[in-house]
């Protein structure tokens, strides 16, 4: 579990997350402009043994980690399932979870629950980061950078999604 890092093209790997209260990692986002800034969505996405403690942030390339404004307790039984970072506005992140989608526009200081639908996976549309696709028990799209989501039904089954992925 945890986050492992290599600096020699995969010959050796090291971790600095062994002392975190939770070793489950369900998503990693690295700031494309400042790669020393990294985010971890914690918890085990698919397993039932490690619940989330929220989103952690590192500003030193993963040497140390601090909680963000999305802080959870394992007794919340929450499962974060992924995290994506806007390619140009890197203070803007979106986190998927079994209980919905959270969004921040200030680098994780505060988060807003923008959807309460089970979400397994999300991606920004290549070339158009105002568009975010989300999948879980249905397929959704946001055209305002993840502030709101609308279900897409045309051409897709209206029921039967279990753990949709993108």
Protein backbone atom coordinates (compact mmCIF):
# COMPACT_ATOMS: atom_id res chain seq x y z
CA UNK A 1 0.00 0.00 0.00
CA UNK A 2 0.90 3.65 0.04
CA UNK A 3 2.75 5.65 -2.57
CA UNK A 4 6.00 4.37 -4.05
CA UNK A 5 8.43 6.58 -5.96
CA UNK A 6 11.32 5.90 -8.31
CA UNK A 7 14.00 8.34 -9.43
CA UNK A 8 15.97 5.87 -11.59
CA UNK A 9 13.42 4.74 -14.18
CA UNK A 10 12.07 1.92 -12.01
CA UNK A 11 15.27 0.18 -10.93
CA UNK A 12 14.61 0.97 -7.26
CA UNK A 13 11.51 2.15 -5.42
CA UNK A 14 11.04 3.90 -2.08
CA UNK A 15 8.09 5.02 -0.02
CA UNK A 16 7.58 7.81 2.50
CA UNK A 17 3.99 6.87 3.33
CA UNK A 18 4.50 3.90 5.68
CA UNK A 19 3.85 6.05 8.76
CA UNK A 20 0.59 7.52 7.46
CA UNK A 21 -2.51 6.41 9.40
CA UNK A 22 -3.84 4.80 6.21
CA UNK A 23 -1.80 3.05 3.51
CA UNK A 24 -4.60 2.68 0.98
CA UNK A 25 -4.24 4.91 -2.09
CA UNK A 26 -7.02 5.07 -4.67
CA UNK A 27 -5.73 7.99 -6.73
CA UNK A 28 -2.70 10.18 -7.29
CA UNK A 29 -2.64 13.63 -8.90
CA UNK A 30 0.64 15.39 -9.68
CA UNK A 31 0.65 19.09 -10.48
CA UNK A 32 1.80 19.29 -14.13
CA UNK A 33 3.24 22.78 -13.59
CA UNK A 34 4.92 22.12 -10.20
CA UNK A 35 5.49 18.34 -9.90
CA UNK A 36 6.64 18.67 -6.28
CA UNK A 37 2.96 19.25 -5.45
CA UNK A 38 1.12 15.94 -5.26
CA UNK A 39 -2.25 14.77 -3.94
CA UNK A 40 -3.33 11.34 -2.67
CA UNK A 41 -6.92 10.16 -2.56
CA UNK A 42 -6.73 7.68 0.31
CA UNK A 43 -8.51 4.42 0.98
CA UNK A 44 -8.92 1.20 -0.92
CA UNK A 45 -11.07 1.86 -3.98
CA UNK A 46 -12.28 -1.70 -4.49
CA UNK A 47 -11.44 -3.57 -1.29
CA UNK A 48 -13.35 -3.46 1.92
CA UNK A 49 -10.47 -3.31 4.37
CA UNK A 50 -9.11 0.25 4.15
CA UNK A 51 -11.42 3.25 4.36
CA UNK A 52 -10.41 6.78 3.41
CA UNK A 53 -8.91 9.43 5.65
CA UNK A 54 -9.45 12.03 2.90
CA UNK A 55 -7.08 13.75 0.51
CA UNK A 56 -3.46 14.31 1.50
CA UNK A 57 -1.12 16.87 -0.07
CA UNK A 58 2.65 17.03 -0.47
CA UNK A 59 4.56 20.12 -1.60
CA UNK A 60 7.99 18.48 -1.42
CA UNK A 61 7.70 15.69 -3.98
CA UNK A 62 6.17 13.17 -1.59
CA UNK A 63 8.66 13.44 1.26
CA UNK A 64 5.97 14.66 3.68
CA UNK A 65 2.16 14.65 3.59
CA UNK A 66 -0.45 16.86 5.22
CA UNK A 67 -4.25 16.63 5.31
CA UNK A 68 -6.30 18.91 3.07
CA UNK A 69 -9.74 20.29 3.81
CA UNK A 70 -11.23 16.95 2.70
CA UNK A 71 -10.50 15.03 5.89
CA UNK A 72 -12.37 11.87 6.82
CA UNK A 73 -12.26 9.31 9.59
CA UNK A 74 -12.09 5.56 8.86
CA UNK A 75 -15.29 5.27 10.88
CA UNK A 76 -17.03 7.31 8.12
CA UNK A 77 -16.59 4.16 5.95
CA UNK A 78 -15.88 6.45 2.99
CA UNK A 79 -14.11 5.30 -0.13
CA UNK A 80 -12.43 7.79 -2.41
CA UNK A 81 -12.04 6.26 -5.85
CA UNK A 82 -9.86 8.73 -7.76
CA UNK A 83 -8.56 12.26 -8.15
CA UNK A 84 -7.88 14.44 -11.21
CA UNK A 85 -6.13 17.80 -11.48
CA UNK A 86 -6.88 20.52 -14.02
CA UNK A 87 -3.96 20.70 -16.49
CA UNK A 88 -3.74 24.52 -16.45
CA UNK A 89 -5.44 25.68 -13.25
CA UNK A 90 -3.67 23.33 -10.88
CA UNK A 91 -5.45 24.60 -7.77
CA UNK A 92 -8.56 22.97 -9.25
CA UNK A 93 -9.02 19.26 -8.43
CA UNK A 94 -11.96 16.89 -8.53
CA UNK A 95 -12.24 13.75 -6.37
CA UNK A 96 -14.56 10.82 -7.02
CA UNK A 97 -15.97 8.69 -4.23
CA UNK A 98 -18.62 6.10 -3.46
CA UNK A 99 -20.67 8.92 -1.94
CA UNK A 100 -20.22 11.49 -4.71
CA UNK A 101 -17.86 14.00 -6.26
CA UNK A 102 -15.91 16.67 -4.37
CA UNK A 103 -14.31 19.73 -5.97
CA UNK A 104 -11.75 22.29 -4.85
CA UNK A 105 -10.54 25.42 -6.60
CA UNK A 106 -8.00 26.41 -3.94
CA UNK A 107 -5.54 23.52 -3.88
CA UNK A 108 -7.47 21.47 -1.36
CA UNK A 109 -8.00 24.06 1.36
CA UNK A 110 -11.76 23.64 1.06
CA UNK A 111 -13.93 21.17 -0.87
CA UNK A 112 -17.54 21.19 -2.03
CA UNK A 113 -19.69 18.08 -2.57
CA UNK A 114 -20.98 18.74 -6.11
CA UNK A 115 -22.70 15.38 -6.71
CA UNK A 116 -23.98 12.76 -4.29
CA UNK A 117 -23.95 9.89 -6.80
CA UNK A 118 -21.60 6.91 -6.52
CA UNK A 119 -18.61 7.66 -8.77
CA UNK A 120 -15.86 5.18 -9.62
CA UNK A 121 -13.90 7.09 -12.22
CA UNK A 122 -13.42 10.57 -13.70
CA UNK A 123 -11.35 12.20 -16.41
CA UNK A 124 -10.92 15.67 -17.86
CA UNK A 125 -11.61 15.74 -21.61
CA UNK A 126 -8.28 16.04 -23.45
CA UNK A 127 -7.96 19.52 -24.93
CA UNK A 128 -11.05 20.80 -23.05
CA UNK A 129 -10.55 20.79 -19.26
CA UNK A 130 -13.91 22.47 -18.72
CA UNK A 131 -15.41 19.07 -19.59
CA UNK A 132 -15.20 16.33 -16.98
CA UNK A 133 -16.63 12.85 -17.52
CA UNK A 134 -17.70 10.74 -14.54
CA UNK A 135 -18.81 7.14 -14.31
CA UNK A 136 -20.18 4.97 -11.55
CA UNK A 137 -23.75 3.72 -11.51
CA UNK A 138 -24.36 5.92 -14.57
CA UNK A 139 -22.39 8.14 -16.96
CA UNK A 140 -22.26 11.91 -16.35
CA UNK A 141 -20.66 15.00 -17.84
CA UNK A 142 -19.72 18.41 -16.51
CA UNK A 143 -19.14 21.30 -18.89
CA UNK A 144 -18.13 23.77 -16.16
CA UNK A 145 -14.98 22.16 -14.79
CA UNK A 146 -16.75 19.83 -12.39
CA UNK A 147 -19.04 22.34 -10.68
CA UNK A 148 -22.17 20.43 -11.76
CA UNK A 149 -22.83 17.11 -13.52
CA UNK A 150 -25.62 15.93 -15.82
CA UNK A 151 -26.42 12.31 -16.56
CA UNK A 152 -25.95 11.21 -20.17
CA UNK A 153 -28.61 8.75 -21.28
CA UNK A 154 -28.57 8.95 -25.08
CA UNK A 155 -27.05 5.79 -26.49
CA UNK A 156 -26.44 4.25 -23.07
CA UNK A 157 -28.53 1.92 -20.93
CA UNK A 158 -30.45 3.78 -18.23
CA UNK A 159 -29.87 0.99 -15.69
CA UNK A 160 -27.40 -1.80 -15.12
CA UNK A 161 -24.24 0.21 -14.50
CA UNK A 162 -22.35 -1.30 -11.60
CA UNK A 163 -18.79 0.00 -11.55
CA UNK A 164 -18.39 2.01 -14.73
CA UNK A 165 -14.91 3.21 -15.59
CA UNK A 166 -13.49 5.60 -18.16
